[in-house]
Amino acid sequence: MYEIWLTANVLFELARVHWPWLLGLSVLWILLVAIRRGVRGRERRHRVGLLALIWVIASVLAVLTVPAMTRSALSNVTYIVDWLNLLAIGAGIGAVITAFAWPLLGLVLGNRRAAH
């Protein structure tokens, strides 16, 4: 239980310290989605597979690089809670990258299909 509280506390403190970045990224994402909605072209439901692939690749890369970014190494991740936190961080980074890829793919692929 302590590890859950500690993780939640760390996430809260990081969000509190970096709130301008979080706000800016949120506004940017909302603008991308709004621009995508205004572009002609049908919504493609079969892009889910491509977005899932982007999420998996981004998550795996995040899991492999986050320890080095924190001046640690994968060999230092030995405790099960450390592994769960690392996997959750990787999945979260992958989700953010996929959230930005979704409207961008819609803009690129929607314009290309509308031109043909």
PDB file of N, CA and C in Angstrom:
ATOM      1  N   MET A   1       0.825  -1.191   0.000  1.00  0.00           N
ATOM      2  CA  MET A   1       0.000   0.000   0.000  1.00  0.00           C
ATOM      3  C   MET A   1       0.870   1.255   0.000  1.00  0.00           C
ATOM      4  N   TYR A   2       1.990   1.179   0.703  1.00  0.00           N
ATOM      5  CA  TYR A   2       2.887   2.322   0.768  1.00  0.00           C
ATOM      6  C   TYR A   2       3.385   2.715  -0.619  1.00  0.00           C
ATOM      7  N   GLU A   3       3.701   1.699  -1.442  1.00  0.00           N
ATOM      8  CA  GLU A   3       4.221   1.989  -2.777  1.00  0.00           C
ATOM      9  C   GLU A   3       3.193   2.713  -3.634  1.00  0.00           C
ATOM     10  N   ILE A   4       1.917   2.355  -3.493  1.00  0.00           N
ATOM     11  CA  ILE A   4       0.864   3.021  -4.251  1.00  0.00           C
ATOM     12  C   ILE A   4       0.764   4.483  -3.826  1.00  0.00           C
ATOM     13  N   TRP A   5       0.792   4.729  -2.517  1.00  0.00           N
ATOM     14  CA  TRP A   5       0.729   6.095  -2.027  1.00  0.00           C
ATOM     15  C   TRP A   5       1.949   6.889  -2.495  1.00  0.00           C
ATOM     16  N   LEU A   6       3.114   6.286  -2.421  1.00  0.00           N
ATOM     17  CA  LEU A   6       4.335   6.962  -2.844  1.00  0.00           C
ATOM     18  C   LEU A   6       4.286   7.308  -4.334  1.00  0.00           C
ATOM     19  N   THR A   7       3.827   6.377  -5.156  1.00  0.00           N
ATOM     20  CA  THR A   7       3.716   6.624  -6.590  1.00  0.00           C
ATOM     21  C   THR A   7       2.716   7.749  -6.868  1.00  0.00           C
ATOM     22  N   ALA A   8       1.573   7.712  -6.217  1.00  0.00           N
ATOM     23  CA  ALA A   8       0.567   8.763  -6.410  1.00  0.00           C
ATOM     24  C   ALA A   8       1.115  10.117  -5.966  1.00  0.00           C
ATOM     25  N   ASN A   9       1.845  10.150  -4.871  1.00  0.00           N
ATOM     26  CA  ASN A   9       2.425  11.387  -4.375  1.00  0.00           C
ATOM     27  C   ASN A   9       3.467  11.939  -5.351  1.00  0.00           C
ATOM     28  N   VAL A  10       4.316  11.072  -5.887  1.00  0.00           N
ATOM     29  CA  VAL A  10       5.327  11.498  -6.847  1.00  0.00           C
ATOM     30  C   VAL A  10       4.661  12.048  -8.106  1.00  0.00           C
ATOM     31  N   LEU A  11       3.639  11.364  -8.606  1.00  0.00           N
ATOM     32  CA  LEU A  11       2.922  11.848  -9.796  1.00  0.00           C
ATOM     33  C   LEU A  11       2.272  13.206  -9.542  1.00  0.00           C
ATOM     34  N   PHE A  12       1.676  13.369  -8.374  1.00  0.00           N
ATOM     35  CA  PHE A  12       1.052  14.654  -8.039  1.00  0.00           C
ATOM     36  C   PHE A  12       2.090  15.761  -7.983  1.00  0.00           C
ATOM     37  N   GLU A  13       3.216  15.504  -7.331  1.00  0.00           N
ATOM     38  CA  GLU A  13       4.259  16.526  -7.219  1.00  0.00           C
ATOM     39  C   GLU A  13       4.865  16.861  -8.578  1.00  0.00           C
ATOM     40  N   LEU A  14       5.063  15.865  -9.425  1.00  0.00           N
ATOM     41  CA  LEU A  14       5.578  16.133 -10.768  1.00  0.00           C
ATOM     42  C   LEU A  14       4.594  16.976 -11.575  1.00  0.00           C
ATOM     43  N   ALA A  15       3.300  16.652 -11.467  1.00  0.00           N
ATOM     44  CA  ALA A  15       2.281  17.435 -12.173  1.00  0.00           C
ATOM     45  C   ALA A  15       2.226  18.856 -11.627  1.00  0.00           C
ATOM     46  N   ARG A  16       2.383  19.017 -10.338  1.00  0.00           N
ATOM     47  CA  ARG A  16       2.356  20.349  -9.730  1.00  0.00           C
ATOM     48  C   ARG A  16       3.538  21.196 -10.188  1.00  0.00           C
ATOM     49  N   VAL A  17       4.690  20.587 -10.303  1.00  0.00           N
ATOM     50  CA  VAL A  17       5.887  21.317 -10.708  1.00  0.00           C
ATOM     51  C   VAL A  17       5.845  21.653 -12.198  1.00  0.00           C
ATOM     52  N   HIS A  18       5.341  20.726 -13.008  1.00  0.00           N
ATOM     53  CA  HIS A  18       5.378  20.887 -14.459  1.00  0.00           C
ATOM     54  C   HIS A  18       4.023  21.260 -15.057  1.00  0.00           C
ATOM     55  N   TRP A  19       3.146  21.893 -14.287  1.00  0.00           N
ATOM     56  CA  TRP A  19       1.815  22.194 -14.792  1.00  0.00           C
ATOM     57  C   TRP A  19       1.822  23.090 -16.022  1.00  0.00           C
ATOM     58  N   PRO A  20       2.758  24.026 -16.210  1.00  0.00           N
ATOM     59  CA  PRO A  20       2.709  24.805 -17.456  1.00  0.00           C
ATOM     60  C   PRO A  20       2.916  23.938 -18.698  1.00  0.00           C
ATOM     61  N   TRP A  21       3.821  22.970 -18.616  1.00  0.00           N
ATOM     62  CA  TRP A  21       4.036  22.061 -19.746  1.00  0.00           C
ATOM     63  C   TRP A  21       2.797  21.211 -19.990  1.00  0.00           C
ATOM     64  N   LEU A  22       2.203  20.706 -18.927  1.00  0.00           N
ATOM     65  CA  LEU A  22       1.006  19.883 -19.077  1.00  0.00           C
ATOM     66  C   LEU A  22      -0.144  20.690 -19.679  1.00  0.00           C
ATOM     67  N   LEU A  23      -0.293  21.923 -19.244  1.00  0.00           N
ATOM     68  CA  LEU A  23      -1.336  22.778 -19.794  1.00  0.00           C
ATOM     69  C   LEU A  23      -1.071  23.074 -21.268  1.00  0.00           C
ATOM     70  N   GLY A  24       0.171  23.402 -21.601  1.00  0.00           N
ATOM     71  CA  GLY A  24       0.518  23.689 -22.990  1.00  0.00           C
ATOM     72  C   GLY A  24       0.303  22.497 -23.902  1.00  0.00           C
ATOM     73  N   LEU A  25       0.714  21.312 -23.453  1.00  0.00           N
ATOM     74  CA  LEU A  25       0.501  20.106 -24.260  1.00  0.00           C
ATOM     75  C   LEU A  25      -0.985  19.796 -24.417  1.00  0.00           C
ATOM     76  N   SER A  26      -1.757  20.036 -23.371  1.00  0.00           N
ATOM     77  CA  SER A  26      -3.202  19.809 -23.456  1.00  0.00           C
ATOM     78  C   SER A  26      -3.848  20.748 -24.470  1.00  0.00           C
ATOM     79  N   VAL A  27      -3.465  22.003 -24.438  1.00  0.00           N
ATOM     80  CA  VAL A  27      -4.009  22.972 -25.392  1.00  0.00           C
ATOM     81  C   VAL A  27      -3.593  22.602 -26.813  1.00  0.00           C
ATOM     82  N   LEU A  28      -2.330  22.217 -26.988  1.00  0.00           N
ATOM     83  CA  LEU A  28      -1.853  21.810 -28.311  1.00  0.00           C
ATOM     84  C   LEU A  28      -2.635  20.610 -28.825  1.00  0.00           C
ATOM     85  N   TRP A  29      -2.881  19.620 -27.968  1.00  0.00           N
ATOM     86  CA  TRP A  29      -3.627  18.434 -28.383  1.00  0.00           C
ATOM     87  C   TRP A  29      -5.065  18.809 -28.774  1.00  0.00           C
ATOM     88  N   ILE A  30      -5.687  19.666 -27.984  1.00  0.00           N
ATOM     89  CA  ILE A  30      -7.056  20.089 -28.299  1.00  0.00           C
ATOM     90  C   ILE A  30      -7.089  20.829 -29.634  1.00  0.00           C
ATOM     91  N   LEU A  31      -6.099  21.679 -29.893  1.00  0.00           N
ATOM     92  CA  LEU A  31      -6.035  22.378 -31.177  1.00  0.00           C
ATOM     93  C   LEU A  31      -5.848  21.400 -32.334  1.00  0.00           C
ATOM     94  N   LEU A  32      -4.976  20.404 -32.170  1.00  0.00           N
ATOM     95  CA  LEU A  32      -4.780  19.403 -33.225  1.00  0.00           C
ATOM     96  C   LEU A  32      -6.074  18.646 -33.520  1.00  0.00           C
ATOM     97  N   VAL A  33      -6.779  18.264 -32.473  1.00  0.00           N
ATOM     98  CA  VAL A  33      -8.038  17.541 -32.667  1.00  0.00           C
ATOM     99  C   VAL A  33      -9.064  18.449 -33.349  1.00  0.00           C
ATOM    100  N   ALA A  34      -9.115  19.708 -32.949  1.00  0.00           N
ATOM    101  CA  ALA A  34     -10.068  20.638 -33.573  1.00  0.00           C
ATOM    102  C   ALA A  34      -9.729  20.860 -35.048  1.00  0.00           C
ATOM    103  N   ILE A  35      -8.452  21.004 -35.361  1.00  0.00           N
ATOM    104  CA  ILE A  35      -8.042  21.175 -36.759  1.00  0.00           C
ATOM    105  C   ILE A  35      -8.387  19.926 -37.557  1.00  0.00           C
ATOM    106  N   ARG A  36      -8.142  18.768 -36.967  1.00  0.00           N
ATOM    107  CA  ARG A  36      -8.454  17.505 -37.650  1.00  0.00           C
ATOM    108  C   ARG A  36      -9.941  17.388 -37.936  1.00  0.00           C
ATOM    109  N   ARG A  37     -10.757  17.809 -37.009  1.00  0.00           N
ATOM    110  CA  ARG A  37     -12.212  17.737 -37.207  1.00  0.00           C
ATOM    111  C   ARG A  37     -12.669  18.657 -38.338  1.00  0.00           C
ATOM    112  N   GLY A  38     -11.936  19.753 -38.569  1.00  0.00           N
ATOM    113  CA  GLY A  38     -12.315  20.685 -39.609  1.00  0.00           C
ATOM    114  C   GLY A  38     -11.864  20.292 -40.996  1.00  0.00           C
ATOM    115  N   VAL A  39     -10.989  19.295 -41.113  1.00  0.00           N
ATOM    116  CA  VAL A  39     -10.473  18.871 -42.420  1.00  0.00           C
ATOM    117  C   VAL A  39     -11.462  17.911 -43.059  1.00  0.00           C
ATOM    118  N   ARG A  40     -11.641  18.079 -44.362  1.00  0.00           N
ATOM    119  CA  ARG A  40     -12.547  17.174 -45.079  1.00  0.00           C
ATOM    120  C   ARG A  40     -11.948  15.786 -45.138  1.00  0.00           C
ATOM    121  N   GLY A  41     -12.798  14.831 -45.255  1.00  0.00           N
ATOM    122  CA  GLY A  41     -12.361  13.442 -45.325  1.00  0.00           C
ATOM    123  C   GLY A  41     -13.072  12.625 -44.262  1.00  0.00           C
ATOM    124  N   ARG A  42     -13.280  11.387 -44.588  1.00  0.00           N
ATOM    125  CA  ARG A  42     -13.989  10.523 -43.661  1.00  0.00           C
ATOM    126  C   ARG A  42     -13.047  10.035 -42.573  1.00  0.00           C
ATOM    127  N   GLU A  43     -13.619   9.786 -41.418  1.00  0.00           N
ATOM    128  CA  GLU A  43     -12.852   9.207 -40.316  1.00  0.00           C
ATOM    129  C   GLU A  43     -12.580   7.742 -40.622  1.00  0.00           C
ATOM    130  N   ARG A  44     -11.373   7.330 -40.482  1.00  0.00           N
ATOM    131  CA  ARG A  44     -10.978   5.949 -40.779  1.00  0.00           C
ATOM    132  C   ARG A  44     -10.890   5.143 -39.486  1.00  0.00           C
ATOM    133  N   ARG A  45     -11.780   4.194 -39.356  1.00  0.00           N
ATOM    134  CA  ARG A  45     -11.790   3.367 -38.149  1.00  0.00           C
ATOM    135  C   ARG A  45     -10.681   2.320 -38.162  1.00  0.00           C
ATOM    136  N   HIS A  46     -10.193   1.950 -39.342  1.00  0.00           N
ATOM    137  CA  HIS A  46      -9.179   0.907 -39.401  1.00  0.00           C
ATOM    138  C   HIS A  46      -7.779   1.434 -39.056  1.00  0.00           C
ATOM    139  N   ARG A  47      -7.676   2.695 -38.637  1.00  0.00           N
ATOM    140  CA  ARG A  47      -6.390   3.222 -38.167  1.00  0.00           C
ATOM    141  C   ARG A  47      -6.074   2.760 -36.755  1.00  0.00           C
ATOM    142  N   VAL A  48      -6.998   2.072 -36.141  1.00  0.00           N
ATOM    143  CA  VAL A  48      -6.793   1.609 -34.771  1.00  0.00           C
ATOM    144  C   VAL A  48      -5.583   0.687 -34.701  1.00  0.00           C
ATOM    145  N   GLY A  49      -5.416  -0.167 -35.687  1.00  0.00           N
ATOM    146  CA  GLY A  49      -4.255  -1.063 -35.709  1.00  0.00           C
ATOM    147  C   GLY A  49      -2.947  -0.305 -35.799  1.00  0.00           C
ATOM    148  N   LEU A  50      -2.907   0.733 -36.624  1.00  0.00           N
ATOM    149  CA  LEU A  50      -1.707   1.548 -36.750  1.00  0.00           C
ATOM    150  C   LEU A  50      -1.431   2.304 -35.456  1.00  0.00           C
ATOM    151  N   LEU A  51      -2.475   2.829 -34.835  1.00  0.00           N
ATOM    152  CA  LEU A  51      -2.301   3.527 -33.564  1.00  0.00           C
ATOM    153  C   LEU A  51      -1.852   2.571 -32.461  1.00  0.00           C
ATOM    154  N   ALA A  52      -2.354   1.346 -32.468  1.00  0.00           N
ATOM    155  CA  ALA A  52      -1.911   0.353 -31.484  1.00  0.00           C
ATOM    156  C   ALA A  52      -0.434   0.019 -31.683  1.00  0.00           C
ATOM    157  N   LEU A  53      -0.016  -0.086 -32.930  1.00  0.00           N
ATOM    158  CA  LEU A  53       1.396  -0.340 -33.222  1.00  0.00           C
ATOM    159  C   LEU A  53       2.263   0.822 -32.747  1.00  0.00           C
ATOM    160  N   ILE A  54       1.817   2.041 -32.972  1.00  0.00           N
ATOM    161  CA  ILE A  54       2.556   3.213 -32.494  1.00  0.00           C
ATOM    162  C   ILE A  54       2.660   3.178 -30.978  1.00  0.00           C
ATOM    163  N   TRP A  55       1.567   2.825 -30.293  1.00  0.00           N
ATOM    164  CA  TRP A  55       1.577   2.760 -28.835  1.00  0.00           C
ATOM    165  C   TRP A  55       2.560   1.702 -28.336  1.00  0.00           C
ATOM    166  N   VAL A  56       2.542   0.529 -28.952  1.00  0.00           N
ATOM    167  CA  VAL A  56       3.438  -0.546 -28.514  1.00  0.00           C
ATOM    168  C   VAL A  56       4.894  -0.141 -28.716  1.00  0.00           C
ATOM    169  N   ILE A  57       5.217   0.394 -29.891  1.00  0.00           N
ATOM    170  CA  ILE A  57       6.605   0.786 -30.166  1.00  0.00           C
ATOM    171  C   ILE A  57       7.050   1.891 -29.221  1.00  0.00           C
ATOM    172  N   ALA A  58       6.212   2.906 -29.033  1.00  0.00           N
ATOM    173  CA  ALA A  58       6.564   4.013 -28.139  1.00  0.00           C
ATOM    174  C   ALA A  58       6.710   3.533 -26.700  1.00  0.00           C
ATOM    175  N   SER A  59       5.848   2.616 -26.278  1.00  0.00           N
ATOM    176  CA  SER A  59       5.928   2.103 -24.912  1.00  0.00           C
ATOM    177  C   SER A  59       7.194   1.292 -24.685  1.00  0.00           C
ATOM    178  N   VAL A  60       7.523   0.433 -25.632  1.00  0.00           N
ATOM    179  CA  VAL A  60       8.745  -0.376 -25.498  1.00  0.00           C
ATOM    180  C   VAL A  60       9.976   0.523 -25.479  1.00  0.00           C
ATOM    181  N   LEU A  61      10.021   1.502 -26.377  1.00  0.00           N
ATOM    182  CA  LEU A  61      11.158   2.424 -26.388  1.00  0.00           C
ATOM    183  C   LEU A  61      11.242   3.216 -25.087  1.00  0.00           C
ATOM    184  N   ALA A  62      10.109   3.604 -24.546  1.00  0.00           N
ATOM    185  CA  ALA A  62      10.111   4.332 -23.276  1.00  0.00           C
ATOM    186  C   ALA A  62      10.618   3.456 -22.138  1.00  0.00           C
ATOM    187  N   VAL A  63      10.172   2.206 -22.086  1.00  0.00           N
ATOM    188  CA  VAL A  63      10.642   1.300 -21.035  1.00  0.00           C
ATOM    189  C   VAL A  63      12.151   1.112 -21.123  1.00  0.00           C
ATOM    190  N   LEU A  64      12.669   1.062 -22.333  1.00  0.00           N
ATOM    191  CA  LEU A  64      14.108   0.856 -22.502  1.00  0.00           C
ATOM    192  C   LEU A  64      14.925   2.121 -22.239  1.00  0.00           C
ATOM    193  N   THR A  65      14.348   3.298 -22.417  1.00  0.00           N
ATOM    194  CA  THR A  65      15.125   4.529 -22.275  1.00  0.00           C
ATOM    195  C   THR A  65      14.894   5.299 -20.981  1.00  0.00           C
ATOM    196  N   VAL A  66      13.766   5.116 -20.329  1.00  0.00           N
ATOM    197  CA  VAL A  66      13.480   5.875 -19.111  1.00  0.00           C
ATOM    198  C   VAL A  66      14.528   5.627 -18.023  1.00  0.00           C
ATOM    199  N   PRO A  67      14.968   4.407 -17.773  1.00  0.00           N
ATOM    200  CA  PRO A  67      16.004   4.254 -16.740  1.00  0.00           C
ATOM    201  C   PRO A  67      17.273   5.053 -17.046  1.00  0.00           C
ATOM    202  N   ALA A  68      17.705   5.075 -18.280  1.00  0.00           N
ATOM    203  CA  ALA A  68      18.900   5.851 -18.630  1.00  0.00           C
ATOM    204  C   ALA A  68      18.648   7.347 -18.467  1.00  0.00           C
ATOM    205  N   MET A  69      17.427   7.787 -18.756  1.00  0.00           N
ATOM    206  CA  MET A  69      17.103   9.204 -18.607  1.00  0.00           C
ATOM    207  C   MET A  69      17.092   9.628 -17.140  1.00  0.00           C
ATOM    208  N   THR A  70      16.886   8.702 -16.249  1.00  0.00           N
ATOM    209  CA  THR A  70      16.887   8.997 -14.821  1.00  0.00           C
ATOM    210  C   THR A  70      18.213   8.604 -14.165  1.00  0.00           C
ATOM    211  N   ARG A  71      19.228   8.427 -15.001  1.00  0.00           N
ATOM    212  CA  ARG A  71      20.578   8.059 -14.547  1.00  0.00           C
ATOM    213  C   ARG A  71      20.584   6.743 -13.779  1.00  0.00           C
ATOM    214  N   SER A  72      19.834   5.806 -14.301  1.00  0.00           N
ATOM    215  CA  SER A  72      19.766   4.468 -13.740  1.00  0.00           C
ATOM    216  C   SER A  72      20.012   3.488 -14.877  1.00  0.00           C
ATOM    217  N   ALA A  73      19.654   2.236 -14.680  1.00  0.00           N
ATOM    218  CA  ALA A  73      19.800   1.220 -15.714  1.00  0.00           C
ATOM    219  C   ALA A  73      18.728   0.157 -15.503  1.00  0.00           C
ATOM    220  N   LEU A  74      18.448  -0.591 -16.565  1.00  0.00           N
ATOM    221  CA  LEU A  74      17.471  -1.675 -16.434  1.00  0.00           C
ATOM    222  C   LEU A  74      17.929  -2.711 -15.420  1.00  0.00           C
ATOM    223  N   SER A  75      19.230  -2.862 -15.248  1.00  0.00           N
ATOM    224  CA  SER A  75      19.737  -3.837 -14.275  1.00  0.00           C
ATOM    225  C   SER A  75      19.407  -3.431 -12.838  1.00  0.00           C
ATOM    226  N   ASN A  76      19.096  -2.168 -12.607  1.00  0.00           N
ATOM    227  CA  ASN A  76      18.728  -1.709 -11.267  1.00  0.00           C
ATOM    228  C   ASN A  76      17.252  -1.933 -10.957  1.00  0.00           C
ATOM    229  N   VAL A  77      16.473  -2.292 -11.949  1.00  0.00           N
ATOM    230  CA  VAL A  77      15.049  -2.538 -11.748  1.00  0.00           C
ATOM    231  C   VAL A  77      14.902  -4.000 -11.323  1.00  0.00           C
ATOM    232  N   THR A  78      14.867  -4.217 -10.027  1.00  0.00           N
ATOM    233  CA  THR A  78      14.833  -5.596  -9.508  1.00  0.00           C
ATOM    234  C   THR A  78      13.569  -5.897  -8.714  1.00  0.00           C
ATOM    235  N   TYR A  79      12.976  -4.910  -8.109  1.00  0.00           N
ATOM    236  CA  TYR A  79      11.801  -5.073  -7.264  1.00  0.00           C
ATOM    237  C   TYR A  79      10.556  -5.049  -8.146  1.00  0.00           C
ATOM    238  N   ILE A  80       9.558  -5.867  -7.828  1.00  0.00           N
ATOM    239  CA  ILE A  80       8.360  -5.974  -8.659  1.00  0.00           C
ATOM    240  C   ILE A  80       7.644  -4.628  -8.793  1.00  0.00           C
ATOM    241  N   VAL A  81       7.657  -3.835  -7.728  1.00  0.00           N
ATOM    242  CA  VAL A  81       7.011  -2.524  -7.785  1.00  0.00           C
ATOM    243  C   VAL A  81       7.766  -1.612  -8.750  1.00  0.00           C
ATOM    244  N   ASP A  82       9.085  -1.735  -8.783  1.00  0.00           N
ATOM    245  CA  ASP A  82       9.875  -0.948  -9.738  1.00  0.00           C
ATOM    246  C   ASP A  82       9.498  -1.324 -11.173  1.00  0.00           C
ATOM    247  N   TRP A  83       9.358  -2.618 -11.435  1.00  0.00           N
ATOM    248  CA  TRP A  83       8.971  -3.068 -12.777  1.00  0.00           C
ATOM    249  C   TRP A  83       7.579  -2.574 -13.140  1.00  0.00           C
ATOM    250  N   LEU A  84       6.650  -2.670 -12.200  1.00  0.00           N
ATOM    251  CA  LEU A  84       5.287  -2.201 -12.476  1.00  0.00           C
ATOM    252  C   LEU A  84       5.263  -0.699 -12.743  1.00  0.00           C
ATOM    253  N   ASN A  85       6.025   0.067 -11.949  1.00  0.00           N
ATOM    254  CA  ASN A  85       6.099   1.508 -12.186  1.00  0.00           C
ATOM    255  C   ASN A  85       6.740   1.813 -13.531  1.00  0.00           C
ATOM    256  N   LEU A  86       7.805   1.110 -13.880  1.00  0.00           N
ATOM    257  CA  LEU A  86       8.467   1.338 -15.165  1.00  0.00           C
ATOM    258  C   LEU A  86       7.540   0.995 -16.326  1.00  0.00           C
ATOM    259  N   LEU A  87       6.822  -0.116 -16.219  1.00  0.00           N
ATOM    260  CA  LEU A  87       5.880  -0.486 -17.277  1.00  0.00           C
ATOM    261  C   LEU A  87       4.734   0.523 -17.378  1.00  0.00           C
ATOM    262  N   ALA A  88       4.269   1.019 -16.239  1.00  0.00           N
ATOM    263  CA  ALA A  88       3.201   2.027 -16.253  1.00  0.00           C
ATOM    264  C   ALA A  88       3.699   3.336 -16.860  1.00  0.00           C
ATOM    265  N   ILE A  89       4.920   3.727 -16.531  1.00  0.00           N
ATOM    266  CA  ILE A  89       5.493   4.940 -17.111  1.00  0.00           C
ATOM    267  C   ILE A  89       5.632   4.768 -18.619  1.00  0.00           C
ATOM    268  N   GLY A  90       6.140   3.623 -19.049  1.00  0.00           N
ATOM    269  CA  GLY A  90       6.277   3.354 -20.481  1.00  0.00           C
ATOM    270  C   GLY A  90       4.936   3.368 -21.193  1.00  0.00           C
ATOM    271  N   ALA A  91       3.934   2.751 -20.589  1.00  0.00           N
ATOM    272  CA  ALA A  91       2.596   2.743 -21.197  1.00  0.00           C
ATOM    273  C   ALA A  91       2.018   4.151 -21.255  1.00  0.00           C
ATOM    274  N   GLY A  92       2.264   4.941 -20.231  1.00  0.00           N
ATOM    275  CA  GLY A  92       1.773   6.320 -20.222  1.00  0.00           C
ATOM    276  C   GLY A  92       2.439   7.177 -21.286  1.00  0.00           C
ATOM    277  N   ILE A  93       3.748   7.039 -21.425  1.00  0.00           N
ATOM    278  CA  ILE A  93       4.458   7.786 -22.464  1.00  0.00           C
ATOM    279  C   ILE A  93       3.965   7.343 -23.841  1.00  0.00           C
ATOM    280  N   GLY A  94       3.785   6.039 -24.015  1.00  0.00           N
ATOM    281  CA  GLY A  94       3.243   5.535 -25.278  1.00  0.00           C
ATOM    282  C   GLY A  94       1.852   6.076 -25.557  1.00  0.00           C
ATOM    283  N   ALA A  95       1.038   6.194 -24.519  1.00  0.00           N
ATOM    284  CA  ALA A  95      -0.321   6.722 -24.694  1.00  0.00           C
ATOM    285  C   ALA A  95      -0.299   8.194 -25.101  1.00  0.00           C
ATOM    286  N   VAL A  96       0.595   8.973 -24.511  1.00  0.00           N
ATOM    287  CA  VAL A  96       0.687  10.394 -24.868  1.00  0.00           C
ATOM    288  C   VAL A  96       1.154  10.550 -26.323  1.00  0.00           C
ATOM    289  N   ILE A  97       2.153   9.771 -26.711  1.00  0.00           N
ATOM    290  CA  ILE A  97       2.640   9.831 -28.095  1.00  0.00           C
ATOM    291  C   ILE A  97       1.535   9.402 -29.055  1.00  0.00           C
ATOM    292  N   THR A  98       0.787   8.366 -28.703  1.00  0.00           N
ATOM    293  CA  THR A  98      -0.311   7.913 -29.550  1.00  0.00           C
ATOM    294  C   THR A  98      -1.429   8.947 -29.611  1.00  0.00           C
ATOM    295  N   ALA A  99      -1.684   9.633 -28.494  1.00  0.00           N
ATOM    296  CA  ALA A  99      -2.717  10.674 -28.487  1.00  0.00           C
ATOM    297  C   ALA A  99      -2.361  11.804 -29.445  1.00  0.00           C
ATOM    298  N   PHE A 100      -1.075  12.119 -29.575  1.00  0.00           N
ATOM    299  CA  PHE A 100      -0.666  13.152 -30.530  1.00  0.00           C
ATOM    300  C   PHE A 100      -0.600  12.599 -31.949  1.00  0.00           C
ATOM    301  N   ALA A 101      -0.312  11.317 -32.085  1.00  0.00           N
ATOM    302  CA  ALA A 101      -0.245  10.718 -33.421  1.00  0.00           C
ATOM    303  C   ALA A 101      -1.636  10.591 -34.039  1.00  0.00           C
ATOM    304  N   TRP A 102      -2.659  10.407 -33.224  1.00  0.00           N
ATOM    305  CA  TRP A 102      -4.014  10.198 -33.735  1.00  0.00           C
ATOM    306  C   TRP A 102      -4.504  11.359 -34.609  1.00  0.00           C
ATOM    307  N   PRO A 103      -4.495  12.621 -34.136  1.00  0.00           N
ATOM    308  CA  PRO A 103      -4.960  13.677 -35.046  1.00  0.00           C
ATOM    309  C   PRO A 103      -3.988  13.947 -36.187  1.00  0.00           C
ATOM    310  N   LEU A 104      -2.684  13.757 -35.936  1.00  0.00           N
ATOM    311  CA  LEU A 104      -1.714  13.987 -37.004  1.00  0.00           C
ATOM    312  C   LEU A 104      -1.887  12.982 -38.135  1.00  0.00           C
ATOM    313  N   LEU A 105      -2.124  11.719 -37.781  1.00  0.00           N
ATOM    314  CA  LEU A 105      -2.397  10.714 -38.811  1.00  0.00           C
ATOM    315  C   LEU A 105      -3.675  11.049 -39.570  1.00  0.00           C
ATOM    316  N   GLY A 106      -4.671  11.522 -38.858  1.00  0.00           N
ATOM    317  CA  GLY A 106      -5.914  11.913 -39.511  1.00  0.00           C
ATOM    318  C   GLY A 106      -5.707  13.047 -40.491  1.00  0.00           C
ATOM    319  N   LEU A 107      -4.865  14.004 -40.127  1.00  0.00           N
ATOM    320  CA  LEU A 107      -4.585  15.112 -41.039  1.00  0.00           C
ATOM    321  C   LEU A 107      -3.821  14.641 -42.265  1.00  0.00           C
ATOM    322  N   VAL A 108      -2.789  13.836 -42.054  1.00  0.00           N
ATOM    323  CA  VAL A 108      -1.949  13.384 -43.169  1.00  0.00           C
ATOM    324  C   VAL A 108      -2.712  12.418 -44.060  1.00  0.00           C
ATOM    325  N   LEU A 109      -3.294  11.388 -43.487  1.00  0.00           N
ATOM    326  CA  LEU A 109      -3.988  10.384 -44.289  1.00  0.00           C
ATOM    327  C   LEU A 109      -5.324  10.896 -44.819  1.00  0.00           C
ATOM    328  N   GLY A 110      -5.992  11.769 -44.060  1.00  0.00           N
ATOM    329  CA  GLY A 110      -7.263  12.322 -44.522  1.00  0.00           C
ATOM    330  C   GLY A 110      -7.073  13.215 -45.728  1.00  0.00           C
ATOM    331  N   ASN A 111      -6.024  14.036 -45.723  1.00  0.00           N
ATOM    332  CA  ASN A 111      -5.747  14.914 -46.859  1.00  0.00           C
ATOM    333  C   ASN A 111      -5.319  14.114 -48.080  1.00  0.00           C
ATOM    334  N   ARG A 112      -4.522  13.087 -47.867  1.00  0.00           N
ATOM    335  CA  ARG A 112      -4.039  12.281 -48.993  1.00  0.00           C
ATOM    336  C   ARG A 112      -5.209  11.560 -49.654  1.00  0.00           C
ATOM    337  N   ARG A 113      -6.119  11.003 -48.886  1.00  0.00           N
ATOM    338  CA  ARG A 113      -7.245  10.271 -49.455  1.00  0.00           C
ATOM    339  C   ARG A 113      -8.253  11.227 -50.097  1.00  0.00           C
ATOM    340  N   ALA A 114      -8.389  12.422 -49.541  1.00  0.00           N
ATOM    341  CA  ALA A 114      -9.332  13.386 -50.109  1.00  0.00           C
ATOM    342  C   ALA A 114      -8.810  13.914 -51.452  1.00  0.00           C
ATOM    343  N   ALA A 115      -7.488  13.923 -51.648  1.00  0.00           N
ATOM    344  CA  ALA A 115      -6.905  14.442 -52.876  1.00  0.00           C
ATOM    345  C   ALA A 115      -7.054  13.446 -54.024  1.00  0.00           C
ATOM    346  N   HIS A 116      -7.177  12.167 -53.703  1.00  0.00           N
ATOM    347  CA  HIS A 116      -7.292  11.153 -54.770  1.00  0.00           C
ATOM    348  C   HIS A 116      -8.679  11.014 -55.278  1.00  0.00           C
TER     349      HIS A 116
END
